[in-house]
Amino acid sequence: MTLPPLHLLRTFDVAARHLSFKKAATELHVTPSAVSHQIKQLEDLIGMPLFLRVNRGLRLTQAGLFYSEKVAGGMEQLHKATQQLSQRFGRPVLRASILPFMAAELVIPSLESFQRQHPDIELRIETSVQNADFDSGEVDVAIRFGLGDWPGLASEKLSGIIGSPVCSPAYAREHDLSSIEDIRRCKLIGLPADARDAWKLLVEKAALEDFTPQHTLTVDSLLAASRAAEQGLGVGIGVFPLMSPLVDSGRLVTPFNIWVPVPEGYYLVWRSEDRDRPDIHAFCEWMREQFGSLPLPHGLKMSEIQLS
């Protein structure tokens, strides 16, 4: 039997997935009659029906069900092969999903060094507080906040995290902040849902009795929280060493000498099957350099805080 043309197999794959010529036509940007005509061509070529028309709908025949599984697998293999062809023999395009604050304050300001070290790699950055969907094939590497346990993915810890209250220099002066007890009269900025226990951990570390943190403002990202603190809207939880440059530049201050280890960390994450990709290795090495250059404020050392 002669192999049917690829465009007919593509149409069959989409129609079998939707069990609707109309929905298949929408995905393929053609008319429903064109889809119906191509399916008829395919059925004539292979000499058997693939769909049953029932109650104004579609159902796969036994032959259609068997064929749809094989064709879907073949289309997926072609898709992966095309991606790999570009990755291995074309100019590498690395799609990285990075948390918004990290992208704005660390990655983008330093991108020139990555481009200088790796002029052959085209880096495409997507910023989101949501975990990137590796199954979609739309991302190659990501930086995530968590404990490093993402099923089906390889991960490497990029940095541990410690927290400390931060605010603008003006806010610290206006409210005469010096002791952690002063936090009781401050407006508090709530962190994203991922870090909702940060204030609770800080209160426990500081042994603040009869104090339950109440947020006067809650935002959906660390970037928004840091901007709110810079604008003098209250006191937020600073995430270090990531936020060290903001303290070094005077945009924020750490008014209380209290540092809280956080169980989570920042992790580099990629698909297990991509572990040998040179562009991912290059990006990960560059990110290690960026984090390695971040000191903690006031000469502190992460190991000392984690053990305290």
Protein backbone atom coordinates (compact mmCIF):
# COMPACT_ATOMS: atom_id res chain seq x y z
CA MET A 1 0.00 0.00 0.00
CA THR A 2 1.31 3.45 -0.95
CA LEU A 3 1.96 5.83 1.95
CA PRO A 4 -0.73 8.55 1.96
CA PRO A 5 0.39 12.19 1.56
CA LEU A 6 1.45 13.84 4.82
CA HIS A 7 -1.18 16.58 4.64
CA LEU A 8 -3.95 13.95 4.61
CA LEU A 9 -2.45 12.22 7.64
CA ARG A 10 -2.21 15.55 9.43
CA THR A 11 -5.88 16.27 8.73
CA PHE A 12 -6.86 12.78 9.92
CA ASP A 13 -4.82 13.19 13.12
CA VAL A 14 -6.56 16.45 14.02
CA ALA A 15 -10.03 15.20 13.07
CA ALA A 16 -9.54 12.00 15.08
CA ARG A 17 -8.47 14.01 18.10
CA HIS A 18 -11.50 16.32 17.97
CA LEU A 19 -14.03 13.84 16.49
CA SER A 20 -15.33 16.89 14.67
CA PHE A 21 -14.62 18.13 11.15
CA LYS A 22 -15.67 21.63 12.21
CA LYS A 23 -13.19 21.80 15.12
CA ALA A 24 -10.49 20.23 12.97
CA ALA A 25 -11.13 22.87 10.30
CA THR A 26 -10.71 25.63 12.89
CA GLU A 27 -7.35 24.24 14.03
CA LEU A 28 -6.14 23.69 10.46
CA HIS A 29 -7.47 27.06 9.19
CA VAL A 30 -9.51 25.47 6.40
CA THR A 31 -13.22 24.88 5.82
CA PRO A 32 -15.12 21.86 7.23
CA SER A 33 -15.86 20.76 3.68
CA ALA A 34 -12.11 20.74 2.93
CA VAL A 35 -11.52 18.50 5.96
CA SER A 36 -14.34 16.17 4.87
CA HIS A 37 -12.94 16.01 1.34
CA GLN A 38 -9.41 15.18 2.57
CA ILE A 39 -10.71 12.46 4.88
CA LYS A 40 -12.62 10.97 1.94
CA GLN A 41 -9.40 11.05 -0.11
CA LEU A 42 -7.53 9.23 2.66
CA GLU A 43 -10.26 6.61 3.04
CA ASP A 44 -10.23 6.00 -0.71
CA LEU A 45 -6.44 5.61 -0.69
CA ILE A 46 -6.37 3.05 2.11
CA GLY A 47 -9.55 1.34 0.96
CA MET A 48 -11.58 1.42 4.18
CA PRO A 49 -13.67 3.85 6.25
CA LEU A 50 -12.03 5.59 9.20
CA PHE A 51 -15.05 7.46 10.59
CA LEU A 52 -18.70 6.66 11.16
CA ARG A 53 -21.13 9.55 10.82
CA VAL A 54 -23.62 9.14 13.70
CA ASN A 55 -26.19 11.56 15.13
CA ARG A 56 -24.55 14.54 13.44
CA GLY A 57 -21.28 13.54 15.02
CA LEU A 58 -18.27 11.35 14.33
CA ARG A 59 -16.97 8.10 15.72
CA LEU A 60 -13.83 6.24 14.74
CA THR A 61 -14.21 2.81 13.22
CA GLN A 62 -12.05 0.02 14.60
CA ALA A 63 -9.65 0.64 11.73
CA GLY A 64 -9.78 4.37 12.41
CA LEU A 65 -9.03 3.88 16.10
CA PHE A 66 -6.02 1.68 15.30
CA TYR A 67 -4.76 4.08 12.63
CA SER A 68 -5.26 7.21 14.77
CA GLU A 69 -2.99 5.83 17.49
CA LYS A 70 -0.25 5.04 14.99
CA VAL A 71 -0.60 8.32 13.08
CA ALA A 72 -0.62 10.39 16.30
CA GLY A 73 2.59 8.70 17.41
CA GLY A 74 4.17 9.30 14.02
CA MET A 75 3.18 12.98 13.99
CA GLU A 76 4.65 13.40 17.47
CA GLN A 77 7.91 11.80 16.35
CA LEU A 78 8.07 14.12 13.33
CA HIS A 79 7.45 17.11 15.58
CA LYS A 80 10.23 16.09 17.97
CA ALA A 81 12.61 15.32 15.11
CA THR A 82 12.02 18.76 13.61
CA GLN A 83 12.73 20.41 16.98
CA GLN A 84 15.88 18.36 17.47
CA LEU A 85 17.03 19.13 13.94
CA SER A 86 16.95 22.84 14.71
CA GLN A 87 18.57 22.35 18.11
CA ARG A 88 21.41 20.17 16.84
CA PHE A 89 22.20 21.63 13.46
CA GLY A 90 20.75 25.14 13.45
CA ARG A 91 21.53 28.13 15.61
CA PRO A 92 20.60 27.08 19.16
CA VAL A 93 17.46 28.75 20.50
CA LEU A 94 17.18 28.42 24.26
CA ARG A 95 13.80 29.19 25.80
CA ALA A 96 14.13 30.03 29.48
CA SER A 97 11.31 30.57 31.97
CA ILE A 98 12.46 32.89 34.75
CA LEU A 99 10.69 34.41 37.73
CA PRO A 100 9.83 38.10 37.08
CA PHE A 101 11.96 39.63 39.86
CA MET A 102 14.97 37.51 38.99
CA ALA A 103 14.64 38.41 35.32
CA ALA A 104 14.28 42.14 35.99
CA GLU A 105 16.96 42.56 38.64
CA LEU A 106 19.57 39.91 37.87
CA VAL A 107 19.28 38.24 34.48
CA ILE A 108 18.42 41.04 32.06
CA PRO A 109 20.92 43.57 33.50
CA SER A 110 23.66 40.96 32.99
CA LEU A 111 22.60 39.58 29.60
CA GLU A 112 25.45 41.26 27.75
CA SER A 113 27.92 38.92 29.43
CA PHE A 114 25.89 35.86 28.34
CA GLN A 115 25.71 37.13 24.76
CA ARG A 116 29.42 37.86 24.79
CA GLN A 117 30.29 34.39 26.10
CA HIS A 118 27.79 32.55 23.87
CA PRO A 119 27.12 34.57 20.71
CA ASP A 120 25.85 31.44 18.95
CA ILE A 121 22.92 30.95 21.36
CA GLU A 122 19.68 32.86 20.93
CA LEU A 123 18.17 33.24 24.40
CA ARG A 124 14.41 33.75 24.64
CA ILE A 125 13.18 34.72 28.11
CA GLU A 126 9.66 34.17 29.39
CA THR A 127 8.75 35.63 32.79
CA SER A 128 6.03 34.11 34.92
CA VAL A 129 5.29 33.24 38.53
CA GLN A 130 3.63 30.05 37.26
CA ASN A 131 5.67 26.91 36.64
CA ALA A 132 6.45 26.51 32.95
CA ASP A 133 4.86 23.52 31.23
CA PHE A 134 7.72 21.40 29.92
CA ASP A 135 5.29 18.91 28.38
CA SER A 136 4.16 21.54 25.89
CA GLY A 137 7.68 21.78 24.45
CA GLU A 138 7.57 25.58 24.76
CA VAL A 139 10.38 25.87 27.31
CA ASP A 140 13.84 24.29 27.58
CA VAL A 141 15.07 25.41 30.98
CA ALA A 142 13.48 27.17 33.94
CA ILE A 143 14.31 28.62 37.32
CA ARG A 144 11.81 27.59 39.96
CA PHE A 145 11.21 28.31 43.63
CA GLY A 146 10.60 25.20 45.68
CA LEU A 147 12.13 22.08 47.19
CA GLY A 148 13.57 20.63 43.98
CA ASP A 149 11.10 17.78 43.61
CA TRP A 150 9.38 18.07 40.23
CA PRO A 151 8.48 14.62 38.85
CA GLY A 152 9.90 13.85 35.43
CA LEU A 153 12.32 16.79 35.48
CA ALA A 154 15.98 17.11 36.39
CA SER A 155 16.88 19.87 38.81
CA GLU A 156 19.93 21.44 40.40
CA LYS A 157 19.88 23.80 43.38
CA LEU A 158 21.01 27.23 42.34
CA SER A 159 20.81 29.02 45.66
CA GLY A 160 19.52 28.69 49.17
CA ILE A 161 17.31 31.46 50.52
CA ILE A 162 17.18 33.50 53.70
CA GLY A 163 14.59 36.13 54.50
CA SER A 164 14.72 39.44 56.32
CA PRO A 165 12.29 42.39 56.48
CA VAL A 166 13.01 45.16 53.97
CA CYS A 167 11.63 48.62 53.36
CA SER A 168 12.63 51.89 51.78
CA PRO A 169 15.21 54.04 53.60
CA ALA A 170 12.58 56.78 53.97
CA TYR A 171 10.08 54.39 55.55
CA ALA A 172 12.69 53.20 58.07
CA ARG A 173 13.49 56.79 59.03
CA GLU A 174 9.90 57.96 59.26
CA HIS A 175 8.90 55.06 61.48
CA ASP A 176 12.13 55.02 63.49
CA LEU A 177 12.70 51.32 62.90
CA SER A 178 15.48 49.77 64.95
CA SER A 179 14.13 46.79 66.90
CA ILE A 180 12.13 43.87 65.54
CA GLU A 181 9.45 44.84 68.06
CA ASP A 182 8.81 47.87 65.85
CA ILE A 183 7.31 45.55 63.25
CA ARG A 184 4.11 45.61 65.28
CA ARG A 185 3.32 49.14 64.08
CA CYS A 186 4.33 48.65 60.46
CA LYS A 187 2.22 48.04 57.41
CA LEU A 188 3.12 44.60 56.09
CA ILE A 189 3.35 43.57 52.45
CA GLY A 190 2.19 40.03 51.76
CA LEU A 191 4.28 37.74 49.58
CA PRO A 192 2.99 35.46 46.81
CA ALA A 193 1.12 32.30 47.77
CA ASP A 194 4.32 30.23 47.35
CA ALA A 195 5.89 32.07 50.26
CA ARG A 196 2.80 32.66 52.41
CA ASP A 197 4.53 31.24 55.51
CA ALA A 198 7.46 33.68 55.36
CA TRP A 199 6.03 36.14 57.90
CA LYS A 200 5.05 33.27 60.20
CA LEU A 201 8.62 31.93 60.13
CA LEU A 202 10.00 35.38 60.87
CA VAL A 203 7.66 35.92 63.84
CA GLU A 204 8.70 32.55 65.27
CA LYS A 205 12.40 33.32 64.75
CA ALA A 206 12.02 36.72 66.43
CA ALA A 207 9.99 35.23 69.30
CA LEU A 208 7.37 37.96 68.92
CA GLU A 209 4.66 37.09 71.42
CA ASP A 210 0.99 37.85 70.86
CA PHE A 211 1.62 39.05 67.32
CA THR A 212 -0.15 37.72 64.25
CA PRO A 213 1.03 39.33 61.00
CA GLN A 214 -1.79 41.06 59.13
CA HIS A 215 -1.08 42.16 55.57
CA THR A 216 -2.28 45.59 54.51
CA LEU A 217 -1.24 44.81 50.95
CA THR A 218 -0.85 41.47 49.17
CA VAL A 219 0.73 41.14 45.74
CA ASP A 220 1.23 38.25 43.33
CA SER A 221 4.98 38.34 42.79
CA LEU A 222 8.25 39.14 44.50
CA LEU A 223 8.82 41.84 41.87
CA ALA A 224 5.61 43.61 42.89
CA ALA A 225 6.43 43.19 46.58
CA SER A 226 9.88 44.75 46.17
CA ARG A 227 8.46 47.66 44.17
CA ALA A 228 5.82 48.26 46.84
CA ALA A 229 8.50 48.32 49.55
CA GLU A 230 10.62 50.73 47.48
CA GLN A 231 7.62 53.04 47.18
CA GLY A 232 7.29 53.21 50.96
CA LEU A 233 4.03 51.25 51.14
CA GLY A 234 5.22 49.14 54.04
CA VAL A 235 7.65 46.41 55.08
CA GLY A 236 8.08 43.32 52.97
CA ILE A 237 10.06 40.11 53.26
CA GLY A 238 13.36 40.41 51.45
CA VAL A 239 14.67 37.29 49.72
CA PHE A 240 18.45 37.02 49.87
CA PRO A 241 20.93 36.83 48.26
CA LEU A 242 18.68 37.68 45.30
CA MET A 243 17.78 41.10 46.69
CA SER A 244 21.28 42.01 47.85
CA PRO A 245 21.85 44.43 44.91
CA LEU A 246 18.81 46.47 45.99
CA VAL A 247 20.28 46.87 49.47
CA ASP A 248 23.77 47.60 48.13
CA SER A 249 22.36 50.35 45.87
CA GLY A 250 20.32 51.91 48.67
CA ARG A 251 16.93 51.21 47.14
CA LEU A 252 16.01 49.08 50.16
CA VAL A 253 17.29 48.63 53.69
CA THR A 254 17.17 45.76 56.19
CA PRO A 255 16.16 47.63 59.36
CA PHE A 256 16.19 44.62 61.70
CA ASN A 257 19.13 42.31 62.26
CA ILE A 258 17.10 39.14 61.90
CA TRP A 259 17.64 36.50 59.22
CA VAL A 260 15.42 33.49 58.68
CA PRO A 261 16.45 30.38 56.70
CA VAL A 262 13.77 29.37 54.20
CA PRO A 263 13.25 25.64 53.39
CA GLU A 264 12.77 26.33 49.69
CA GLY A 265 15.45 27.44 47.28
CA TYR A 266 15.93 28.46 43.65
CA TYR A 267 16.47 25.56 41.26
CA LEU A 268 17.53 25.17 37.66
CA VAL A 269 15.11 22.76 36.00
CA TRP A 270 15.14 20.99 32.62
CA ARG A 271 13.83 17.84 30.94
CA SER A 272 15.83 14.73 31.89
CA GLU A 273 16.38 13.82 28.24
CA ASP A 274 17.99 17.24 27.61
CA ARG A 275 20.77 16.75 30.15
CA ASP A 276 23.46 16.68 27.44
CA ARG A 277 22.38 19.81 25.55
CA PRO A 278 25.33 22.24 25.36
CA ASP A 279 23.10 25.34 25.37
CA ILE A 280 21.42 24.29 28.62
CA HIS A 281 24.82 23.59 30.17
CA ALA A 282 25.99 27.05 29.07
CA PHE A 283 22.96 28.81 30.55
CA CYS A 284 23.16 26.90 33.84
CA GLU A 285 26.86 27.68 34.21
CA TRP A 286 26.18 31.36 33.53
CA MET A 287 23.37 31.46 36.12
CA ARG A 288 25.68 29.88 38.70
CA GLU A 289 28.14 32.70 38.02
CA GLN A 290 25.44 35.32 38.48
CA PHE A 291 24.30 33.94 41.82
CA GLY A 292 27.88 33.30 42.92
CA SER A 293 28.58 37.02 42.59
CA LEU A 294 25.73 37.99 44.96
CA PRO A 295 26.96 38.68 48.50
CA LEU A 296 24.70 38.79 51.52
CA PRO A 297 24.27 42.21 53.15
CA HIS A 298 26.51 43.28 56.02
CA GLY A 299 29.13 40.61 55.30
CA LEU A 300 26.84 37.79 56.40
CA LYS A 301 27.46 34.21 55.30
CA MET A 302 24.69 31.86 54.21
CA SER A 303 26.24 28.85 56.00
CA GLU A 304 26.33 30.68 59.33
CA ILE A 305 22.68 31.68 59.06
CA GLN A 306 21.51 28.25 57.97
CA LEU A 307 23.23 26.66 60.95
CA SER A 308 22.07 29.20 63.49
